[in-house]
Amino acid sequence: MTFEALTALTLFAFVSSSTPGPNNLMLMASGANFGFVRTIPHMLGISVGFMVMLFAVGAGLVQVFDLFPVIYTVLKIASVLYMLWLAWKIANAAPVSKNASAGRPLSFIAAAAFQWVNPKAWAMALTAITVYLGDASLVWLATGALVFAVVNLPSVSIWTIAGQQLQRILTNPRRLRAYNWTMAALLIASLYPVLAP
């Protein structure tokens, strides 16, 4: 991989990590409901989980999926069901003052595992492999995966901070409920690429 290709991959990683998608919508909701510090494991889970997923898919897992196309269908169904469940959890999150006892943000493991059923993560991984890392050695594939992890963390932090800043506005339970239901609806709307024919 050339320096130019690595630069292009870094730019792609930044743009794709910063734009709205299931991860960023959930982080914004978590920042608003739980604050920045309690959302750190969620953010780290996304960065590390996607890095592992990108490397595994690039190292040959995608060929296994091609041999057994039913895996795509299973992932699609799991993705829809899990995201609907997450949307329900976001919509019904407790008010900020009650969060310590009534709810908790997504854990590191759950956030890392979510990457495998996140439609945007799959689109990002397949694009990165096809366009930037398809003919790369395992060393360059690992480098590309690391680039995503390093670029991803500050990108997702912005969404968490934005959510945390909303805590000042969301002190009223009705406003928080409206915000959570809006975020849940946007998360469901992000399923459109999966459900579109």
C-alpha atoms as a PDB file:
ATOM      1  CA  MET A   1       0.000   0.000   0.000  1.00  0.00           C
ATOM      2  CA  THR A   2       1.370   3.397  -0.974  1.00  0.00           C
ATOM      3  CA  PHE A   3       1.376   6.535   1.154  1.00  0.00           C
ATOM      4  CA  GLU A   4      -1.312   8.012  -1.118  1.00  0.00           C
ATOM      5  CA  ALA A   5      -3.526   4.950  -0.633  1.00  0.00           C
ATOM      6  CA  LEU A   6      -3.053   5.108   3.136  1.00  0.00           C
ATOM      7  CA  THR A   7      -3.948   8.818   3.109  1.00  0.00           C
ATOM      8  CA  ALA A   8      -7.078   8.091   1.068  1.00  0.00           C
ATOM      9  CA  LEU A   9      -8.022   5.254   3.446  1.00  0.00           C
ATOM     10  CA  THR A  10      -7.554   7.580   6.443  1.00  0.00           C
ATOM     11  CA  LEU A  11      -9.831  10.183   4.853  1.00  0.00           C
ATOM     12  CA  PHE A  12     -12.431   7.504   4.078  1.00  0.00           C
ATOM     13  CA  ALA A  13     -12.191   6.245   7.672  1.00  0.00           C
ATOM     14  CA  PHE A  14     -12.740   9.756   9.028  1.00  0.00           C
ATOM     15  CA  VAL A  15     -15.698  10.590   6.790  1.00  0.00           C
ATOM     16  CA  SER A  16     -17.422   7.230   7.219  1.00  0.00           C
ATOM     17  CA  SER A  17     -16.844   7.227  11.008  1.00  0.00           C
ATOM     18  CA  SER A  18     -18.099  10.802  11.453  1.00  0.00           C
ATOM     19  CA  THR A  19     -21.321  10.609   9.451  1.00  0.00           C
ATOM     20  CA  PRO A  20     -24.649   9.527  10.978  1.00  0.00           C
ATOM     21  CA  GLY A  21     -25.237   5.827  11.399  1.00  0.00           C
ATOM     22  CA  PRO A  22     -26.380   3.366  14.061  1.00  0.00           C
ATOM     23  CA  ASN A  23     -23.172   3.652  16.141  1.00  0.00           C
ATOM     24  CA  ASN A  24     -23.192   7.442  16.207  1.00  0.00           C
ATOM     25  CA  LEU A  25     -26.920   7.708  16.907  1.00  0.00           C
ATOM     26  CA  MET A  26     -26.588   5.295  19.829  1.00  0.00           C
ATOM     27  CA  LEU A  27     -23.557   7.202  21.163  1.00  0.00           C
ATOM     28  CA  MET A  28     -25.417  10.494  20.987  1.00  0.00           C
ATOM     29  CA  ALA A  29     -28.333   8.956  22.894  1.00  0.00           C
ATOM     30  CA  SER A  30     -25.924   7.413  25.413  1.00  0.00           C
ATOM     31  CA  GLY A  31     -24.105  10.722  25.892  1.00  0.00           C
ATOM     32  CA  ALA A  32     -27.428  12.436  26.594  1.00  0.00           C
ATOM     33  CA  ASN A  33     -28.648   9.724  28.954  1.00  0.00           C
ATOM     34  CA  PHE A  34     -25.448   8.613  30.719  1.00  0.00           C
ATOM     35  CA  GLY A  35     -22.754  11.234  30.047  1.00  0.00           C
ATOM     36  CA  PHE A  36     -19.341  10.966  28.412  1.00  0.00           C
ATOM     37  CA  VAL A  37     -17.404   8.961  31.013  1.00  0.00           C
ATOM     38  CA  ARG A  38     -20.002   6.192  31.337  1.00  0.00           C
ATOM     39  CA  THR A  39     -20.118   5.922  27.514  1.00  0.00           C
ATOM     40  CA  ILE A  40     -16.334   5.388  27.111  1.00  0.00           C
ATOM     41  CA  PRO A  41     -16.596   1.549  27.093  1.00  0.00           C
ATOM     42  CA  HIS A  42     -19.225   1.840  24.346  1.00  0.00           C
ATOM     43  CA  MET A  43     -16.926   4.086  22.282  1.00  0.00           C
ATOM     44  CA  LEU A  44     -13.919   1.783  22.767  1.00  0.00           C
ATOM     45  CA  GLY A  45     -16.055  -1.243  21.881  1.00  0.00           C
ATOM     46  CA  ILE A  46     -16.991   0.351  18.553  1.00  0.00           C
ATOM     47  CA  SER A  47     -13.388   1.218  17.681  1.00  0.00           C
ATOM     48  CA  VAL A  48     -11.889  -2.134  18.667  1.00  0.00           C
ATOM     49  CA  GLY A  49     -14.851  -4.165  17.411  1.00  0.00           C
ATOM     50  CA  PHE A  50     -14.750  -2.598  13.966  1.00  0.00           C
ATOM     51  CA  MET A  51     -10.969  -2.997  13.763  1.00  0.00           C
ATOM     52  CA  VAL A  52     -11.287  -6.740  14.489  1.00  0.00           C
ATOM     53  CA  MET A  53     -14.198  -7.102  12.072  1.00  0.00           C
ATOM     54  CA  LEU A  54     -12.372  -5.302   9.250  1.00  0.00           C
ATOM     55  CA  PHE A  55      -9.274  -7.447   9.698  1.00  0.00           C
ATOM     56  CA  ALA A  56     -11.251 -10.711   9.906  1.00  0.00           C
ATOM     57  CA  VAL A  57     -13.341  -9.922   6.826  1.00  0.00           C
ATOM     58  CA  GLY A  58     -10.287  -8.765   4.869  1.00  0.00           C
ATOM     59  CA  ALA A  59      -8.269 -11.822   5.918  1.00  0.00           C
ATOM     60  CA  GLY A  60     -10.743 -14.173   4.283  1.00  0.00           C
ATOM     61  CA  LEU A  61     -13.970 -14.356   6.256  1.00  0.00           C
ATOM     62  CA  VAL A  62     -15.851 -12.802   3.348  1.00  0.00           C
ATOM     63  CA  GLN A  63     -14.994 -15.872   1.234  1.00  0.00           C
ATOM     64  CA  VAL A  64     -16.693 -18.081   3.829  1.00  0.00           C
ATOM     65  CA  PHE A  65     -19.786 -15.897   3.528  1.00  0.00           C
ATOM     66  CA  ASP A  66     -19.661 -16.262  -0.255  1.00  0.00           C
ATOM     67  CA  LEU A  67     -19.524 -20.053   0.106  1.00  0.00           C
ATOM     68  CA  PHE A  68     -22.524 -20.015   2.451  1.00  0.00           C
ATOM     69  CA  PRO A  69     -24.828 -17.163   1.328  1.00  0.00           C
ATOM     70  CA  VAL A  70     -27.355 -18.062   4.032  1.00  0.00           C
ATOM     71  CA  ILE A  71     -24.990 -16.309   6.476  1.00  0.00           C
ATOM     72  CA  TYR A  72     -25.905 -12.974   4.859  1.00  0.00           C
ATOM     73  CA  THR A  73     -29.590 -13.677   5.468  1.00  0.00           C
ATOM     74  CA  VAL A  74     -28.945 -14.666   9.089  1.00  0.00           C
ATOM     75  CA  LEU A  75     -26.887 -11.495   9.645  1.00  0.00           C
ATOM     76  CA  LYS A  76     -29.618  -9.383   8.046  1.00  0.00           C
ATOM     77  CA  ILE A  77     -32.308 -10.840  10.319  1.00  0.00           C
ATOM     78  CA  ALA A  78     -30.071 -10.557  13.399  1.00  0.00           C
ATOM     79  CA  SER A  79     -29.252  -6.963  12.461  1.00  0.00           C
ATOM     80  CA  VAL A  80     -32.896  -5.942  12.164  1.00  0.00           C
ATOM     81  CA  LEU A  81     -33.956  -7.676  15.386  1.00  0.00           C
ATOM     82  CA  TYR A  82     -31.036  -6.356  17.425  1.00  0.00           C
ATOM     83  CA  MET A  83     -31.434  -2.793  16.168  1.00  0.00           C
ATOM     84  CA  LEU A  84     -35.172  -2.862  16.896  1.00  0.00           C
ATOM     85  CA  TRP A  85     -34.363  -4.030  20.430  1.00  0.00           C
ATOM     86  CA  LEU A  86     -31.764  -1.247  20.822  1.00  0.00           C
ATOM     87  CA  ALA A  87     -34.263   1.316  19.521  1.00  0.00           C
ATOM     88  CA  TRP A  88     -36.773   0.125  22.132  1.00  0.00           C
ATOM     89  CA  LYS A  89     -34.098   0.442  24.854  1.00  0.00           C
ATOM     90  CA  ILE A  90     -33.236   3.978  23.723  1.00  0.00           C
ATOM     91  CA  ALA A  91     -36.898   5.013  23.507  1.00  0.00           C
ATOM     92  CA  ASN A  92     -37.510   3.792  27.050  1.00  0.00           C
ATOM     93  CA  ALA A  93     -34.290   5.048  28.680  1.00  0.00           C
ATOM     94  CA  ALA A  94     -34.736   6.451  32.177  1.00  0.00           C
ATOM     95  CA  PRO A  95     -34.507  10.186  32.916  1.00  0.00           C
ATOM     96  CA  VAL A  96     -30.977  11.491  33.465  1.00  0.00           C
ATOM     97  CA  SER A  97     -31.410  11.800  37.232  1.00  0.00           C
ATOM     98  CA  LYS A  98     -32.379   8.132  37.520  1.00  0.00           C
ATOM     99  CA  ASN A  99     -29.777   6.646  35.194  1.00  0.00           C
ATOM    100  CA  ALA A 100     -27.445   5.425  37.903  1.00  0.00           C
ATOM    101  CA  SER A 101     -29.990   2.911  39.138  1.00  0.00           C
ATOM    102  CA  ALA A 102     -32.366   2.474  36.223  1.00  0.00           C
ATOM    103  CA  GLY A 103     -30.138   1.945  33.222  1.00  0.00           C
ATOM    104  CA  ARG A 104     -26.663   1.531  31.861  1.00  0.00           C
ATOM    105  CA  PRO A 105     -24.885   2.294  28.611  1.00  0.00           C
ATOM    106  CA  LEU A 106     -23.858  -0.391  26.144  1.00  0.00           C
ATOM    107  CA  SER A 107     -20.831  -2.334  27.375  1.00  0.00           C
ATOM    108  CA  PHE A 108     -17.501  -2.722  25.561  1.00  0.00           C
ATOM    109  CA  ILE A 109     -18.302  -6.317  24.551  1.00  0.00           C
ATOM    110  CA  ALA A 110     -21.845  -5.493  23.404  1.00  0.00           C
ATOM    111  CA  ALA A 111     -20.617  -2.522  21.340  1.00  0.00           C
ATOM    112  CA  ALA A 112     -17.833  -4.620  19.776  1.00  0.00           C
ATOM    113  CA  ALA A 113     -20.257  -7.446  18.971  1.00  0.00           C
ATOM    114  CA  PHE A 114     -22.765  -4.970  17.519  1.00  0.00           C
ATOM    115  CA  GLN A 115     -20.370  -4.212  14.652  1.00  0.00           C
ATOM    116  CA  TRP A 116     -21.135  -7.655  13.190  1.00  0.00           C
ATOM    117  CA  VAL A 117     -24.833  -6.785  12.798  1.00  0.00           C
ATOM    118  CA  ASN A 118     -24.410  -3.082  12.007  1.00  0.00           C
ATOM    119  CA  PRO A 119     -25.301  -2.459   8.335  1.00  0.00           C
ATOM    120  CA  LYS A 120     -23.165   0.689   8.112  1.00  0.00           C
ATOM    121  CA  ALA A 121     -20.151  -1.139   9.587  1.00  0.00           C
ATOM    122  CA  TRP A 122     -20.498  -3.839   6.920  1.00  0.00           C
ATOM    123  CA  ALA A 123     -20.742  -1.221   4.175  1.00  0.00           C
ATOM    124  CA  MET A 124     -17.645   0.540   5.529  1.00  0.00           C
ATOM    125  CA  ALA A 125     -15.657  -2.701   5.871  1.00  0.00           C
ATOM    126  CA  LEU A 126     -16.543  -4.009   2.420  1.00  0.00           C
ATOM    127  CA  THR A 127     -15.779  -0.638   0.808  1.00  0.00           C
ATOM    128  CA  ALA A 128     -12.441  -0.358   2.621  1.00  0.00           C
ATOM    129  CA  ILE A 129     -11.447  -3.882   1.570  1.00  0.00           C
ATOM    130  CA  THR A 130     -12.654  -3.565  -2.006  1.00  0.00           C
ATOM    131  CA  VAL A 131     -11.313  -0.082  -2.718  1.00  0.00           C
ATOM    132  CA  TYR A 132      -8.266   0.295  -0.447  1.00  0.00           C
ATOM    133  CA  LEU A 133      -7.156  -3.042   1.016  1.00  0.00           C
ATOM    134  CA  GLY A 134      -8.192  -5.738  -1.469  1.00  0.00           C
ATOM    135  CA  ASP A 135      -4.696  -6.628  -2.657  1.00  0.00           C
ATOM    136  CA  ALA A 136      -2.887  -5.695   0.560  1.00  0.00           C
ATOM    137  CA  SER A 137      -0.756  -8.060   2.621  1.00  0.00           C
ATOM    138  CA  LEU A 138      -1.907  -9.044   6.096  1.00  0.00           C
ATOM    139  CA  VAL A 139       0.466  -6.425   7.529  1.00  0.00           C
ATOM    140  CA  TRP A 140      -1.155  -3.653   5.473  1.00  0.00           C
ATOM    141  CA  LEU A 141      -4.600  -5.048   6.260  1.00  0.00           C
ATOM    142  CA  ALA A 142      -3.752  -4.847   9.974  1.00  0.00           C
ATOM    143  CA  THR A 143      -2.409  -1.318   9.411  1.00  0.00           C
ATOM    144  CA  GLY A 144      -5.635  -0.325   7.652  1.00  0.00           C
ATOM    145  CA  ALA A 145      -7.716  -1.794  10.495  1.00  0.00           C
ATOM    146  CA  LEU A 146      -5.598   0.118  13.018  1.00  0.00           C
ATOM    147  CA  VAL A 147      -6.076   3.337  11.023  1.00  0.00           C
ATOM    148  CA  PHE A 148      -9.837   2.879  11.354  1.00  0.00           C
ATOM    149  CA  ALA A 149      -9.576   2.326  15.119  1.00  0.00           C
ATOM    150  CA  VAL A 150      -7.385   5.403  15.633  1.00  0.00           C
ATOM    151  CA  VAL A 151      -9.524   7.667  13.418  1.00  0.00           C
ATOM    152  CA  ASN A 152     -12.794   6.246  14.725  1.00  0.00           C
ATOM    153  CA  LEU A 153     -12.288   7.071  18.403  1.00  0.00           C
ATOM    154  CA  PRO A 154     -12.186  10.887  18.102  1.00  0.00           C
ATOM    155  CA  SER A 155     -14.970  10.742  15.492  1.00  0.00           C
ATOM    156  CA  VAL A 156     -17.365   8.848  17.752  1.00  0.00           C
ATOM    157  CA  SER A 157     -16.335  10.975  20.745  1.00  0.00           C
ATOM    158  CA  ILE A 158     -17.816  14.008  19.002  1.00  0.00           C
ATOM    159  CA  TRP A 159     -21.234  12.338  18.881  1.00  0.00           C
ATOM    160  CA  THR A 160     -21.036  11.374  22.564  1.00  0.00           C
ATOM    161  CA  ILE A 161     -20.034  14.933  23.548  1.00  0.00           C
ATOM    162  CA  ALA A 162     -22.901  16.327  21.455  1.00  0.00           C
ATOM    163  CA  GLY A 163     -25.307  14.058  23.308  1.00  0.00           C
ATOM    164  CA  GLN A 164     -23.805  15.001  26.663  1.00  0.00           C
ATOM    165  CA  GLN A 165     -24.241  18.705  25.874  1.00  0.00           C
ATOM    166  CA  LEU A 166     -27.931  18.039  25.338  1.00  0.00           C
ATOM    167  CA  GLN A 167     -28.273  16.967  28.980  1.00  0.00           C
ATOM    168  CA  ARG A 168     -28.793  20.635  29.911  1.00  0.00           C
ATOM    169  CA  ILE A 169     -31.833  20.796  27.639  1.00  0.00           C
ATOM    170  CA  LEU A 170     -33.125  17.335  28.480  1.00  0.00           C
ATOM    171  CA  THR A 171     -33.635  17.834  32.215  1.00  0.00           C
ATOM    172  CA  ASN A 172     -37.383  17.866  31.635  1.00  0.00           C
ATOM    173  CA  PRO A 173     -38.646  14.225  31.449  1.00  0.00           C
ATOM    174  CA  ARG A 174     -40.987  15.066  28.553  1.00  0.00           C
ATOM    175  CA  ARG A 175     -38.160  16.557  26.491  1.00  0.00           C
ATOM    176  CA  LEU A 176     -35.906  13.596  27.265  1.00  0.00           C
ATOM    177  CA  ARG A 177     -38.664  11.185  26.271  1.00  0.00           C
ATOM    178  CA  ALA A 178     -39.215  13.058  22.992  1.00  0.00           C
ATOM    179  CA  TYR A 179     -35.458  13.064  22.319  1.00  0.00           C
ATOM    180  CA  ASN A 180     -35.121   9.341  23.062  1.00  0.00           C
ATOM    181  CA  TRP A 181     -38.082   8.457  20.859  1.00  0.00           C
ATOM    182  CA  THR A 182     -36.630  10.612  18.054  1.00  0.00           C
ATOM    183  CA  MET A 183     -33.251   8.870  18.351  1.00  0.00           C
ATOM    184  CA  ALA A 184     -34.978   5.476  18.389  1.00  0.00           C
ATOM    185  CA  ALA A 185     -36.920   6.395  15.237  1.00  0.00           C
ATOM    186  CA  LEU A 186     -33.711   7.532  13.512  1.00  0.00           C
ATOM    187  CA  LEU A 187     -32.028   4.260  14.486  1.00  0.00           C
ATOM    188  CA  ILE A 188     -34.902   2.325  12.930  1.00  0.00           C
ATOM    189  CA  ALA A 189     -34.732   4.567   9.844  1.00  0.00           C
ATOM    190  CA  SER A 190     -31.054   3.649   9.494  1.00  0.00           C
ATOM    191  CA  LEU A 191     -32.239   0.106   8.720  1.00  0.00           C
ATOM    192  CA  TYR A 192     -33.543   1.275   5.335  1.00  0.00           C
ATOM    193  CA  PRO A 193     -30.473   0.036   3.395  1.00  0.00           C
ATOM    194  CA  VAL A 194     -30.936  -3.413   4.923  1.00  0.00           C
ATOM    195  CA  LEU A 195     -34.658  -3.614   4.256  1.00  0.00           C
ATOM    196  CA  ALA A 196     -34.725  -1.927   0.826  1.00  0.00           C
ATOM    197  CA  PRO A 197     -35.212  -4.410  -2.040  1.00  0.00           C
END
